[in-house]
Amino acid sequence: MMTDLMDTAREIVRQWAFVLAVSPILPGIVAKTKAWFAGRRGPPLLQPYRDIFKLFRKGAVYSRTTTWLFRAGPVVSFSAALAATLIIPLGGMESPLTFQGDLILFAYLWGLSRFFTMTAALDTGSAFEGMGASREAAFSCLAEPALLLGLLALAREAGSFSMSDVLSVGLIRIWSIHAPALCLVTAAFLVVFLTENSRIPVDDPNTHLELTMIHEVMVLDHGGPDLALIEYGSAVKFFALGALLVRIVCPIRSGGFWEGGAALVIGLAALSVLVGVIESTMARLRLSRIPQLLALSFVLSGFGVILTLAAGS
């Protein structure tokens, strides 16, 4: 029993070390891709690491009107993102945290992170940040069902509600039988991925226009280590949701952790380039159009479930 616990602890530490080391470079790849499209040199790939370390060295200023919720927001958001990475199998082995129904926990960890981020924004008493929190809540009501329905379609074909089983090498067999359903789920997950990471066409992480900000407006009052945790948590979230998408599109499972991790990093780098291309070739949608896009992702996931049910009947 003690040996099993020690092995699990080592797996958790190794996986977290891998995620924390790799995740900040993904936004750097996105920024570099956008700079290339704009004909600029752009920031270095390692700039996100420097920004995070610089923020950790700074101090934090708190308003007297805020409570412990404002301080808890960045910590809970970062912790939830790290916990979600334990459910995703990154290498050639099962994820450190695996059980039947863990994919439901995976989806609801993002809900927990979002709840505390919105609560921290509302705790400031600013109507401006409350506006961003209300938009975040409205759009998440459509993004979360699309994610859950897509996971349900994958779980049905895998015959398990464990993420390790769903993202196993059996996905190759599922692709050969239910390719149309998986294509619909993949398209829906891409929309959810862009939404959850506050990316164009849903949100623009670089904008400072008051009337169009969603995520950025909720973290305006955070600074120093709190802002570092928010930025780091966003990178980890990009990593976790991107790993889910990459494992579905490229269900390659190698024999070891580091070999599988290297393949995953290559896939995440390609996904980051794709995000950079999307942000360079598309404009941000009007706020009234975003619910329509998220409703489309929900419909795509729903049709994916219907196709898997029809094939199994």
Foldseek 3Di string as FASTA:
>chain_A
DVVVVVVLVVLLVVLLVLLLVQLQLLVLLLQCLLCVLVVHRGDDSCVSVVVLVVLQPDDKDDDPQADVLLVVLLVLLLVLLSVLSQQAQQAQDHRSDKDFQVVVVSLCSLVRNLVSLLVNLVRVVDVLLVVLNVLLVVLVVLLSLLSVLLLVLLCVVLVTRRNRSSLALCLVVVCVPQVLLLVLSLVLLVLSLCSSLQAPQAHHPPDDDSVGHHSVSSCPNTTRNSVSSVSSSSSSSNLSSQLVSLSNVPSDHDDDNVVSNVVSSVSSSVVSSVSSVCRNPDHHDDSVCSVVVSNSSSVSSVVSNVSSVVVVD
